[in-house]
């Protein structure tokens, strides 16, 4: 009678071959489960670290008369209080906003023409890309630039003014009180006219 040598391959279809195949399948399944767990843990850690980093940057206040926001360009802060003493124009923008592409360069020219009579600040909100590079492209890189917070939860500074998109323009008096809010496009000529009407300043 023929004998099977130790370590030789079992005969296909035999009980031993079927048992070996079941064992291999179980090992492959175990490896797949371990791999999936590893990937899941790695993704969780990455999201947690990212969320923690965002959370640090997102500390602030979005009340319309006392906002305090993270600076767009660095780790500093931009607050409404720092603009007290002069009228202030807060221009909200987003990189996907086609109207902003027409509005902001004109606002930049107006701000230069008005000089020190009026403060201008840009607030990047509801953005989906690099707000800083967009601001620089639009010619407002010389303004103080802030990043809105509370993205997607309805607590952004922009939505506190009733905005559902961009642009939005808010005019404050020298004491930090809101005197005018425009939801949607505002031409530089219209903005100049309102600044002259409210504060007697002109380019």
N, C-alpha and C. Protein backbone atom coordinates (compact mmCIF):
# COMPACT_ATOMS: atom_id res chain seq x y z
N UNK A 1 0.85 -1.18 0.00
CA UNK A 1 0.00 0.00 0.00
C UNK A 1 0.89 1.23 0.00
N UNK A 2 0.50 2.20 -0.84
CA UNK A 2 1.30 3.41 -0.96
C UNK A 2 1.16 4.25 0.29
N UNK A 3 2.21 4.90 0.69
CA UNK A 3 2.19 5.77 1.86
C UNK A 3 2.50 7.19 1.42
N UNK A 4 1.95 8.16 2.18
CA UNK A 4 2.20 9.59 1.89
C UNK A 4 3.36 10.06 2.74
N UNK A 5 4.37 10.61 2.08
CA UNK A 5 5.52 11.12 2.81
C UNK A 5 5.13 12.36 3.59
N UNK A 6 5.80 12.55 4.74
CA UNK A 6 5.54 13.72 5.57
C UNK A 6 5.88 14.99 4.80
N UNK A 7 4.96 15.95 4.78
CA UNK A 7 5.19 17.24 4.11
C UNK A 7 4.82 17.22 2.65
N UNK A 8 4.39 16.08 2.12
CA UNK A 8 4.01 16.03 0.71
C UNK A 8 2.65 16.68 0.52
N UNK A 9 2.36 17.09 -0.70
CA UNK A 9 1.11 17.78 -1.02
C UNK A 9 -0.05 16.78 -0.95
N UNK A 10 -1.15 17.15 -0.20
CA UNK A 10 -2.27 16.22 -0.13
C UNK A 10 -2.96 16.07 -1.47
N UNK A 11 -3.57 14.93 -1.66
CA UNK A 11 -4.26 14.64 -2.91
C UNK A 11 -5.46 15.58 -3.09
N UNK A 12 -5.60 16.22 -4.29
CA UNK A 12 -6.73 17.14 -4.51
C UNK A 12 -8.07 16.46 -4.25
N UNK A 13 -8.96 17.15 -3.55
CA UNK A 13 -10.27 16.60 -3.25
C UNK A 13 -10.34 15.76 -2.00
N UNK A 14 -9.17 15.45 -1.44
CA UNK A 14 -9.17 14.62 -0.24
C UNK A 14 -9.59 15.45 0.97
N UNK A 15 -9.93 14.75 2.05
CA UNK A 15 -10.34 15.43 3.28
C UNK A 15 -9.24 16.35 3.78
N UNK A 16 -7.99 15.87 3.66
CA UNK A 16 -6.85 16.67 4.13
C UNK A 16 -6.67 17.93 3.28
N UNK A 17 -6.89 17.80 1.94
CA UNK A 17 -6.75 18.96 1.04
C UNK A 17 -7.81 20.00 1.35
N UNK A 18 -9.05 19.54 1.60
CA UNK A 18 -10.13 20.47 1.92
C UNK A 18 -9.86 21.19 3.24
N UNK A 19 -9.34 20.45 4.23
CA UNK A 19 -9.01 21.06 5.53
C UNK A 19 -7.91 22.11 5.38
N UNK A 20 -6.91 21.79 4.54
CA UNK A 20 -5.81 22.74 4.32
C UNK A 20 -6.31 24.01 3.65
N UNK A 21 -7.22 23.85 2.67
CA UNK A 21 -7.77 25.02 1.98
C UNK A 21 -8.59 25.89 2.92
N UNK A 22 -9.39 25.24 3.80
CA UNK A 22 -10.17 26.01 4.78
C UNK A 22 -9.26 26.80 5.71
N UNK A 23 -8.14 26.17 6.10
CA UNK A 23 -7.18 26.82 6.99
C UNK A 23 -6.55 28.04 6.31
N UNK A 24 -6.22 27.90 5.01
CA UNK A 24 -5.63 29.02 4.27
C UNK A 24 -6.62 30.17 4.13
N UNK A 25 -7.89 29.85 3.85
CA UNK A 25 -8.91 30.89 3.74
C UNK A 25 -9.09 31.63 5.05
N UNK A 26 -9.07 30.89 6.14
CA UNK A 26 -9.22 31.53 7.46
C UNK A 26 -8.06 32.47 7.75
N UNK A 27 -6.83 32.05 7.36
CA UNK A 27 -5.65 32.90 7.58
C UNK A 27 -5.73 34.17 6.73
N UNK A 28 -6.17 34.02 5.45
CA UNK A 28 -6.30 35.20 4.58
C UNK A 28 -7.34 36.17 5.14
N UNK A 29 -8.45 35.62 5.62
CA UNK A 29 -9.50 36.46 6.19
C UNK A 29 -9.00 37.22 7.41
N UNK A 30 -8.22 36.52 8.24
CA UNK A 30 -7.67 37.15 9.44
C UNK A 30 -6.73 38.30 9.06
N UNK A 31 -5.90 38.08 8.02
CA UNK A 31 -4.98 39.12 7.58
C UNK A 31 -5.74 40.32 7.02
N UNK A 32 -6.82 40.05 6.26
CA UNK A 32 -7.62 41.15 5.72
C UNK A 32 -8.27 41.97 6.82
N UNK A 33 -8.78 41.30 7.84
CA UNK A 33 -9.41 41.98 8.96
C UNK A 33 -8.40 42.85 9.69
N UNK A 34 -7.20 42.29 9.92
CA UNK A 34 -6.14 43.06 10.60
C UNK A 34 -5.76 44.28 9.77
N UNK A 35 -5.64 44.10 8.44
CA UNK A 35 -5.28 45.22 7.57
C UNK A 35 -6.34 46.32 7.61
N UNK A 36 -7.61 45.90 7.57
CA UNK A 36 -8.70 46.88 7.62
C UNK A 36 -8.71 47.63 8.94
N UNK A 37 -8.45 46.92 10.03
CA UNK A 37 -8.40 47.57 11.34
C UNK A 37 -7.27 48.58 11.40
N UNK A 38 -6.11 48.21 10.84
CA UNK A 38 -4.96 49.10 10.84
C UNK A 38 -5.26 50.39 10.06
N UNK A 39 -5.86 50.21 8.86
CA UNK A 39 -6.21 51.38 8.04
C UNK A 39 -7.23 52.26 8.76
N UNK A 40 -8.22 51.62 9.40
CA UNK A 40 -9.24 52.37 10.12
C UNK A 40 -8.66 53.18 11.26
N UNK A 41 -7.76 52.57 12.02
CA UNK A 41 -7.12 53.29 13.14
C UNK A 41 -6.28 54.44 12.62
N UNK A 42 -5.54 54.20 11.53
CA UNK A 42 -4.69 55.26 10.96
C UNK A 42 -5.54 56.44 10.50
N UNK A 43 -6.68 56.15 9.83
CA UNK A 43 -7.56 57.22 9.37
C UNK A 43 -8.15 57.99 10.55
N UNK A 44 -8.55 57.26 11.60
CA UNK A 44 -9.12 57.91 12.78
C UNK A 44 -8.12 58.85 13.42
N UNK A 45 -6.89 58.39 13.56
CA UNK A 45 -5.84 59.22 14.17
C UNK A 45 -5.59 60.46 13.32
N UNK A 46 -5.54 60.27 11.98
CA UNK A 46 -5.31 61.41 11.09
C UNK A 46 -6.41 62.44 11.19
N UNK A 47 -7.66 61.98 11.18
CA UNK A 47 -8.80 62.90 11.29
C UNK A 47 -8.79 63.61 12.63
N UNK A 48 -8.46 62.88 13.70
CA UNK A 48 -8.42 63.47 15.03
C UNK A 48 -7.36 64.56 15.12
N UNK A 49 -6.19 64.29 14.57
CA UNK A 49 -5.10 65.29 14.59
C UNK A 49 -5.51 66.51 13.78
N UNK A 50 -6.10 66.28 12.59
CA UNK A 50 -6.53 67.40 11.76
C UNK A 50 -7.60 68.22 12.44
N UNK A 51 -8.55 67.52 13.05
CA UNK A 51 -9.63 68.22 13.74
C UNK A 51 -9.10 69.01 14.92
N UNK A 52 -8.13 68.46 15.63
CA UNK A 52 -7.54 69.18 16.76
C UNK A 52 -6.84 70.44 16.29
N UNK A 53 -6.12 70.31 15.17
CA UNK A 53 -5.42 71.47 14.62
C UNK A 53 -6.41 72.54 14.18
N UNK A 54 -7.48 72.11 13.48
CA UNK A 54 -8.50 73.06 13.05
C UNK A 54 -9.18 73.70 14.25
N UNK A 55 -9.40 72.88 15.28
CA UNK A 55 -10.08 73.39 16.46
C UNK A 55 -9.29 74.51 17.12
N UNK A 56 -7.94 74.35 17.14
CA UNK A 56 -7.11 75.40 17.71
C UNK A 56 -7.27 76.70 16.93
N UNK A 57 -7.32 76.58 15.60
CA UNK A 57 -7.41 77.76 14.75
C UNK A 57 -8.82 78.36 14.78
N UNK A 58 -9.81 77.54 15.09
CA UNK A 58 -11.20 77.98 15.00
C UNK A 58 -11.71 78.65 16.27
N UNK A 59 -10.86 78.86 17.24
CA UNK A 59 -11.29 79.54 18.46
C UNK A 59 -11.55 81.00 18.14
N UNK A 60 -12.68 81.51 18.61
CA UNK A 60 -12.99 82.91 18.35
C UNK A 60 -14.44 83.22 18.64
N UNK A 61 -14.87 84.39 18.18
CA UNK A 61 -16.23 84.86 18.40
C UNK A 61 -16.81 85.34 17.08
N UNK A 62 -18.07 85.00 16.81
CA UNK A 62 -18.69 85.44 15.56
C UNK A 62 -19.89 86.35 15.80
N UNK A 63 -19.91 87.02 16.92
CA UNK A 63 -20.97 88.00 17.15
C UNK A 63 -20.71 89.22 16.27
N UNK A 64 -21.76 89.73 15.68
CA UNK A 64 -21.60 90.77 14.65
C UNK A 64 -20.96 92.06 15.17
N UNK A 65 -21.10 92.33 16.48
CA UNK A 65 -20.56 93.58 17.02
C UNK A 65 -19.31 93.39 17.87
N UNK A 66 -18.77 92.18 17.88
CA UNK A 66 -17.56 91.95 18.70
C UNK A 66 -16.77 90.74 18.21
N UNK A 67 -16.67 90.58 16.90
CA UNK A 67 -16.03 89.38 16.38
C UNK A 67 -14.52 89.36 16.61
N UNK A 68 -14.04 88.12 16.71
CA UNK A 68 -12.62 87.84 16.95
C UNK A 68 -12.32 86.58 16.14
N UNK A 69 -11.52 86.72 15.08
CA UNK A 69 -11.29 85.63 14.13
C UNK A 69 -9.81 85.34 13.96
N UNK A 70 -9.48 84.10 13.55
CA UNK A 70 -8.07 83.80 13.25
C UNK A 70 -7.64 84.53 11.98
N UNK A 71 -6.40 84.99 11.97
CA UNK A 71 -5.86 85.64 10.77
C UNK A 71 -5.73 84.60 9.67
N UNK A 72 -5.93 85.03 8.44
CA UNK A 72 -5.86 84.11 7.31
C UNK A 72 -4.42 83.75 6.95
N UNK A 73 -3.50 84.68 7.16
CA UNK A 73 -2.13 84.47 6.69
C UNK A 73 -1.21 83.81 7.70
N UNK A 74 -1.53 83.90 8.99
CA UNK A 74 -0.62 83.39 10.01
C UNK A 74 -1.40 82.95 11.24
N UNK A 75 -0.71 82.86 12.38
CA UNK A 75 -1.35 82.41 13.61
C UNK A 75 -1.93 83.56 14.45
N UNK A 76 -1.96 84.76 13.88
CA UNK A 76 -2.45 85.92 14.62
C UNK A 76 -3.98 85.98 14.67
N UNK A 77 -4.50 87.08 15.16
CA UNK A 77 -5.94 87.30 15.29
C UNK A 77 -6.32 88.59 14.57
N UNK A 78 -7.56 88.63 14.11
CA UNK A 78 -8.12 89.86 13.55
C UNK A 78 -9.44 90.08 14.29
N UNK A 79 -9.56 91.26 14.93
CA UNK A 79 -10.76 91.53 15.74
C UNK A 79 -11.39 92.85 15.31
N UNK A 80 -12.69 92.96 15.51
CA UNK A 80 -13.38 94.21 15.19
C UNK A 80 -12.84 95.35 16.05
N UNK A 81 -12.50 95.05 17.30
CA UNK A 81 -12.05 96.08 18.23
C UNK A 81 -10.81 96.82 17.72
N UNK A 82 -9.96 96.14 16.96
CA UNK A 82 -8.73 96.78 16.51
C UNK A 82 -8.98 97.87 15.47
N UNK A 83 -10.20 97.93 14.92
CA UNK A 83 -10.51 98.92 13.89
C UNK A 83 -11.29 100.11 14.43
N UNK A 84 -11.56 100.13 15.73
CA UNK A 84 -12.32 101.24 16.31
C UNK A 84 -11.55 102.56 16.14
N UNK A 85 -12.31 103.63 15.95
CA UNK A 85 -11.70 104.95 15.76
C UNK A 85 -11.87 105.45 14.34
N UNK A 86 -12.17 104.52 13.41
CA UNK A 86 -12.42 104.90 12.01
C UNK A 86 -13.55 104.03 11.46
N UNK A 87 -14.24 104.52 10.43
CA UNK A 87 -15.20 103.65 9.75
C UNK A 87 -14.46 102.43 9.19
N UNK A 88 -15.18 101.30 9.15
CA UNK A 88 -14.55 100.06 8.69
C UNK A 88 -15.47 99.34 7.71
N UNK A 89 -14.87 98.87 6.63
CA UNK A 89 -15.58 98.05 5.65
C UNK A 89 -15.08 96.62 5.78
N UNK A 90 -15.99 95.68 6.08
CA UNK A 90 -15.67 94.25 6.14
C UNK A 90 -16.22 93.58 4.90
N UNK A 91 -15.33 93.09 4.05
CA UNK A 91 -15.74 92.44 2.80
C UNK A 91 -15.58 90.93 2.94
N UNK A 92 -16.69 90.21 2.89
CA UNK A 92 -16.67 88.75 2.98
C UNK A 92 -16.51 88.17 1.57
N UNK A 93 -15.66 87.16 1.43
CA UNK A 93 -15.41 86.60 0.10
C UNK A 93 -15.10 85.11 0.20
N UNK A 94 -15.20 84.44 -0.95
CA UNK A 94 -14.84 83.03 -1.07
C UNK A 94 -14.17 82.82 -2.43
N UNK A 95 -13.30 81.84 -2.52
CA UNK A 95 -12.54 81.67 -3.76
C UNK A 95 -13.40 81.20 -4.94
N UNK A 96 -14.58 80.62 -4.68
CA UNK A 96 -15.47 80.17 -5.76
C UNK A 96 -16.41 81.27 -6.24
N UNK A 97 -16.36 82.43 -5.59
CA UNK A 97 -17.33 83.51 -5.84
C UNK A 97 -16.94 84.31 -7.08
N UNK A 98 -17.73 84.15 -8.15
CA UNK A 98 -17.43 84.87 -9.39
C UNK A 98 -17.69 86.37 -9.26
N UNK A 99 -18.70 86.73 -8.47
CA UNK A 99 -18.98 88.16 -8.26
C UNK A 99 -17.82 88.82 -7.52
N UNK A 100 -17.21 88.08 -6.57
CA UNK A 100 -16.07 88.62 -5.82
C UNK A 100 -14.92 88.99 -6.75
N UNK A 101 -14.79 88.27 -7.83
CA UNK A 101 -13.71 88.56 -8.78
C UNK A 101 -13.87 89.92 -9.45
N UNK A 102 -15.10 90.39 -9.54
CA UNK A 102 -15.34 91.74 -10.08
C UNK A 102 -15.32 92.78 -8.97
N UNK A 103 -15.81 92.39 -7.81
CA UNK A 103 -15.98 93.35 -6.72
C UNK A 103 -14.68 93.68 -6.00
N UNK A 104 -13.92 92.67 -5.61
CA UNK A 104 -12.76 92.91 -4.74
C UNK A 104 -11.66 93.78 -5.36
N UNK A 105 -11.26 93.57 -6.62
CA UNK A 105 -10.24 94.48 -7.18
C UNK A 105 -10.67 95.94 -7.16
N UNK A 106 -11.98 96.19 -7.38
CA UNK A 106 -12.49 97.57 -7.33
C UNK A 106 -12.46 98.10 -5.90
N UNK A 107 -12.80 97.24 -4.94
CA UNK A 107 -12.71 97.64 -3.52
C UNK A 107 -11.26 97.95 -3.15
N UNK A 108 -10.33 97.15 -3.68
CA UNK A 108 -8.91 97.38 -3.37
C UNK A 108 -8.48 98.76 -3.84
N UNK A 109 -8.91 99.14 -5.05
CA UNK A 109 -8.57 100.47 -5.57
C UNK A 109 -9.22 101.57 -4.74
N UNK A 110 -10.47 101.36 -4.32
CA UNK A 110 -11.15 102.35 -3.49
C UNK A 110 -10.45 102.51 -2.15
N UNK A 111 -10.01 101.41 -1.57
CA UNK A 111 -9.34 101.48 -0.27
C UNK A 111 -8.04 102.29 -0.37
N UNK A 112 -7.34 102.15 -1.48
CA UNK A 112 -6.11 102.93 -1.68
C UNK A 112 -6.43 104.41 -1.87
N UNK A 113 -7.53 104.68 -2.58
CA UNK A 113 -7.92 106.07 -2.82
C UNK A 113 -8.38 106.76 -1.53
N UNK A 114 -9.02 106.00 -0.64
CA UNK A 114 -9.50 106.57 0.64
C UNK A 114 -8.37 106.71 1.66
N UNK A 115 -7.31 105.97 1.47
CA UNK A 115 -6.16 106.07 2.38
C UNK A 115 -6.50 105.70 3.81
N UNK A 116 -6.10 106.57 4.74
CA UNK A 116 -6.29 106.29 6.16
C UNK A 116 -7.67 106.68 6.70
N UNK A 117 -8.54 107.15 5.83
CA UNK A 117 -9.86 107.60 6.31
C UNK A 117 -10.79 106.43 6.67
N UNK A 118 -10.58 105.29 6.03
CA UNK A 118 -11.46 104.13 6.24
C UNK A 118 -10.62 102.87 6.34
N UNK A 119 -10.96 102.02 7.31
CA UNK A 119 -10.33 100.70 7.41
C UNK A 119 -11.04 99.72 6.48
N UNK A 120 -10.28 98.83 5.87
CA UNK A 120 -10.84 97.72 5.10
C UNK A 120 -10.29 96.41 5.66
N UNK A 121 -11.16 95.41 5.78
CA UNK A 121 -10.74 94.09 6.23
C UNK A 121 -11.43 93.05 5.36
N UNK A 122 -10.69 92.03 4.96
CA UNK A 122 -11.27 90.95 4.17
C UNK A 122 -11.51 89.74 5.06
N UNK A 123 -12.68 89.11 4.92
CA UNK A 123 -13.00 87.93 5.73
C UNK A 123 -13.36 86.78 4.79
N UNK A 124 -12.50 85.78 4.80
CA UNK A 124 -12.68 84.60 3.95
C UNK A 124 -13.68 83.65 4.60
N UNK A 125 -14.78 83.38 3.91
CA UNK A 125 -15.84 82.56 4.50
C UNK A 125 -16.40 81.57 3.50
N UNK A 126 -16.89 80.44 3.98
CA UNK A 126 -17.50 79.40 3.13
C UNK A 126 -16.57 79.02 2.00
N UNK A 127 -15.30 78.96 2.26
CA UNK A 127 -14.28 78.76 1.24
C UNK A 127 -14.05 77.28 0.98
N UNK A 128 -13.53 76.93 -0.21
CA UNK A 128 -13.19 75.55 -0.49
C UNK A 128 -11.79 75.40 -1.08
N UNK A 129 -10.96 76.40 -0.85
CA UNK A 129 -9.59 76.35 -1.35
C UNK A 129 -8.73 77.33 -0.58
N UNK A 130 -7.70 77.84 -1.22
CA UNK A 130 -6.80 78.77 -0.56
C UNK A 130 -7.35 80.18 -0.60
N UNK A 131 -7.88 80.63 0.52
CA UNK A 131 -8.42 81.98 0.60
C UNK A 131 -7.33 83.03 0.48
N UNK A 132 -6.14 82.72 1.01
CA UNK A 132 -5.05 83.69 1.00
C UNK A 132 -4.57 83.95 -0.43
N UNK A 133 -4.34 82.92 -1.20
CA UNK A 133 -3.88 83.12 -2.58
C UNK A 133 -4.95 83.84 -3.40
N UNK A 134 -6.22 83.56 -3.12
CA UNK A 134 -7.30 84.24 -3.83
C UNK A 134 -7.29 85.73 -3.48
N UNK A 135 -7.13 86.05 -2.19
CA UNK A 135 -7.09 87.45 -1.75
C UNK A 135 -5.94 88.19 -2.42
N UNK A 136 -4.79 87.54 -2.50
CA UNK A 136 -3.64 88.16 -3.14
C UNK A 136 -3.88 88.37 -4.62
N UNK A 137 -4.53 87.39 -5.24
CA UNK A 137 -4.87 87.51 -6.67
C UNK A 137 -5.83 88.67 -6.92
N UNK A 138 -6.74 88.90 -5.97
CA UNK A 138 -7.73 89.98 -6.10
C UNK A 138 -7.18 91.35 -5.72
N UNK A 139 -5.94 91.40 -5.23
CA UNK A 139 -5.32 92.67 -4.90
C UNK A 139 -5.62 93.19 -3.52
N UNK A 140 -6.14 92.32 -2.62
CA UNK A 140 -6.45 92.79 -1.26
C UNK A 140 -5.50 92.19 -0.23
N UNK A 141 -4.36 91.71 -0.68
CA UNK A 141 -3.39 91.12 0.24
C UNK A 141 -2.83 92.11 1.25
N UNK A 142 -2.99 93.43 0.97
CA UNK A 142 -2.48 94.44 1.91
C UNK A 142 -3.48 94.76 3.02
N UNK A 143 -4.71 94.25 2.92
CA UNK A 143 -5.69 94.43 4.00
C UNK A 143 -5.41 93.43 5.11
N UNK A 144 -5.87 93.71 6.33
CA UNK A 144 -5.94 92.65 7.33
C UNK A 144 -6.91 91.58 6.81
N UNK A 145 -6.52 90.32 6.90
CA UNK A 145 -7.35 89.23 6.37
C UNK A 145 -7.66 88.23 7.47
N UNK A 146 -8.93 87.88 7.60
CA UNK A 146 -9.36 86.94 8.63
C UNK A 146 -10.03 85.72 7.99
N UNK A 147 -10.11 84.65 8.75
CA UNK A 147 -10.81 83.44 8.31
C UNK A 147 -12.03 83.24 9.19
N UNK A 148 -13.20 83.17 8.55
CA UNK A 148 -14.44 82.94 9.29
C UNK A 148 -14.38 81.55 9.94
N UNK A 149 -15.09 81.37 11.04
CA UNK A 149 -15.08 80.09 11.74
C UNK A 149 -16.51 79.54 11.83
N UNK A 150 -16.65 78.32 12.35
CA UNK A 150 -17.96 77.70 12.44
C UNK A 150 -18.45 77.22 11.10
N UNK A 151 -17.53 76.84 10.19
CA UNK A 151 -17.91 76.46 8.84
C UNK A 151 -18.91 75.31 8.82
N UNK A 152 -20.00 75.48 8.09
CA UNK A 152 -20.96 74.42 7.88
C UNK A 152 -21.97 74.21 9.00
N UNK A 153 -21.85 74.93 10.10
CA UNK A 153 -22.79 74.71 11.20
C UNK A 153 -23.72 75.91 11.43
N UNK A 154 -23.71 76.86 10.50
CA UNK A 154 -24.62 77.99 10.60
C UNK A 154 -24.21 79.04 11.62
N UNK A 155 -23.00 78.95 12.16
CA UNK A 155 -22.57 79.92 13.17
C UNK A 155 -21.47 80.83 12.65
N UNK A 156 -21.24 80.85 11.33
CA UNK A 156 -20.22 81.72 10.78
C UNK A 156 -20.62 83.19 11.01
N UNK A 157 -19.64 84.04 11.04
CA UNK A 157 -19.92 85.47 11.14
C UNK A 157 -20.77 85.90 9.95
N UNK A 158 -20.45 85.39 8.77
CA UNK A 158 -21.20 85.77 7.57
C UNK A 158 -22.68 85.44 7.71
N UNK A 159 -22.99 84.23 8.18
CA UNK A 159 -24.40 83.85 8.29
C UNK A 159 -25.11 84.62 9.40
N UNK A 160 -24.37 85.12 10.36
CA UNK A 160 -24.98 85.96 11.40
C UNK A 160 -25.48 87.29 10.83
N UNK A 161 -24.97 87.65 9.66
CA UNK A 161 -25.48 88.84 8.96
C UNK A 161 -26.59 88.48 7.99
N UNK A 162 -26.93 87.19 7.90
CA UNK A 162 -27.97 86.74 6.99
C UNK A 162 -27.45 86.26 5.65
N UNK A 163 -26.13 86.16 5.50
CA UNK A 163 -25.55 85.74 4.23
C UNK A 163 -25.77 84.25 3.99
N UNK A 164 -26.09 83.92 2.74
CA UNK A 164 -26.19 82.53 2.32
C UNK A 164 -25.13 82.21 1.27
N UNK A 165 -24.30 83.17 0.99
CA UNK A 165 -23.23 83.00 0.02
C UNK A 165 -22.34 84.23 0.05
N UNK A 166 -21.54 84.40 -0.99
CA UNK A 166 -20.66 85.56 -1.08
C UNK A 166 -20.97 86.30 -2.38
N UNK A 167 -20.68 87.61 -2.42
CA UNK A 167 -20.06 88.42 -1.38
C UNK A 167 -21.09 89.01 -0.41
N UNK A 168 -20.58 89.48 0.70
CA UNK A 168 -21.35 90.27 1.67
C UNK A 168 -20.46 91.41 2.12
N UNK A 169 -21.01 92.60 2.23
CA UNK A 169 -20.23 93.77 2.65
C UNK A 169 -20.92 94.43 3.84
N UNK A 170 -20.14 94.64 4.90
CA UNK A 170 -20.67 95.26 6.12
C UNK A 170 -19.88 96.54 6.40
N UNK A 171 -20.60 97.61 6.68
CA UNK A 171 -19.97 98.88 7.03
C UNK A 171 -20.21 99.15 8.52
N UNK A 172 -19.12 99.43 9.22
CA UNK A 172 -19.18 99.77 10.65
C UNK A 172 -18.82 101.24 10.83
N UNK A 173 -19.38 101.85 11.89
CA UNK A 173 -18.94 103.20 12.21
C UNK A 173 -17.67 103.14 13.06
N UNK A 174 -17.20 104.31 13.48
CA UNK A 174 -15.93 104.37 14.22
C UNK A 174 -16.01 103.73 15.60
N UNK A 175 -17.22 103.46 16.08
CA UNK A 175 -17.40 102.81 17.38
C UNK A 175 -17.65 101.30 17.27
N UNK A 176 -17.61 100.78 16.05
CA UNK A 176 -17.82 99.35 15.86
C UNK A 176 -19.28 98.94 15.76
N UNK A 177 -20.18 99.90 15.49
CA UNK A 177 -21.60 99.60 15.32
C UNK A 177 -21.90 99.41 13.83
N UNK A 178 -22.73 98.43 13.51
CA UNK A 178 -23.09 98.16 12.12
C UNK A 178 -24.02 99.27 11.61
N UNK A 179 -23.68 99.86 10.47
CA UNK A 179 -24.54 100.89 9.88
C UNK A 179 -25.12 100.46 8.54
N UNK A 180 -24.53 99.42 7.92
CA UNK A 180 -25.04 98.99 6.62
C UNK A 180 -24.56 97.57 6.31
N UNK A 181 -25.47 96.75 5.76
CA UNK A 181 -25.13 95.39 5.34
C UNK A 181 -25.66 95.19 3.93
N UNK A 182 -24.81 94.74 3.02
CA UNK A 182 -25.22 94.43 1.66
C UNK A 182 -24.97 92.95 1.40
N UNK A 183 -26.03 92.20 1.11
CA UNK A 183 -25.92 90.79 0.75
C UNK A 183 -25.91 90.71 -0.77
N UNK A 184 -24.79 90.29 -1.32
CA UNK A 184 -24.66 90.27 -2.77
C UNK A 184 -23.75 91.37 -3.27
N UNK A 185 -23.78 91.59 -4.56
CA UNK A 185 -22.83 92.51 -5.18
C UNK A 185 -23.05 93.95 -4.77
N UNK A 186 -21.94 94.66 -4.55
CA UNK A 186 -21.93 96.09 -4.29
C UNK A 186 -20.80 96.69 -5.12
N UNK A 187 -21.09 97.64 -5.96
CA UNK A 187 -20.03 98.23 -6.77
C UNK A 187 -19.18 99.17 -5.90
N UNK A 188 -17.99 99.46 -6.37
CA UNK A 188 -17.11 100.38 -5.66
C UNK A 188 -17.74 101.77 -5.60
N UNK A 189 -18.45 102.14 -6.66
CA UNK A 189 -19.11 103.45 -6.69
C UNK A 189 -20.22 103.52 -5.63
N UNK A 190 -20.98 102.45 -5.52
CA UNK A 190 -22.03 102.41 -4.50
C UNK A 190 -21.44 102.44 -3.09
N UNK A 191 -20.36 101.69 -2.89
CA UNK A 191 -19.70 101.68 -1.58
C UNK A 191 -19.16 103.07 -1.25
N UNK A 192 -18.52 103.71 -2.22
CA UNK A 192 -17.98 105.06 -1.99
C UNK A 192 -19.11 106.03 -1.65
N UNK A 193 -20.25 105.90 -2.33
CA UNK A 193 -21.38 106.77 -2.05
C UNK A 193 -21.91 106.58 -0.64
N UNK A 194 -21.97 105.35 -0.16
CA UNK A 194 -22.46 105.10 1.20
C UNK A 194 -21.48 105.61 2.25
N UNK A 195 -20.18 105.44 1.98
CA UNK A 195 -19.19 105.94 2.93
C UNK A 195 -19.25 107.47 3.01
N UNK A 196 -19.51 108.11 1.87
CA UNK A 196 -19.65 109.56 1.87
C UNK A 196 -20.93 109.97 2.60
N UNK A 197 -22.01 109.23 2.35
CA UNK A 197 -23.28 109.52 3.00
C UNK A 197 -23.21 109.37 4.52
N UNK A 198 -22.59 108.28 4.98
CA UNK A 198 -22.56 107.99 6.42
C UNK A 198 -21.49 108.80 7.17
N UNK A 199 -20.34 108.98 6.51
CA UNK A 199 -19.20 109.54 7.26
C UNK A 199 -18.58 110.77 6.61
N UNK A 200 -19.07 111.17 5.45
CA UNK A 200 -18.53 112.36 4.80
C UNK A 200 -17.14 112.18 4.25
N UNK A 201 -16.75 110.94 3.95
CA UNK A 201 -15.43 110.69 3.35
C UNK A 201 -15.61 110.40 1.88
N UNK A 202 -14.61 110.77 1.09
CA UNK A 202 -14.68 110.54 -0.37
C UNK A 202 -13.27 110.32 -0.88
N UNK A 203 -13.13 109.55 -1.97
CA UNK A 203 -11.80 109.34 -2.56
C UNK A 203 -11.19 110.64 -3.06
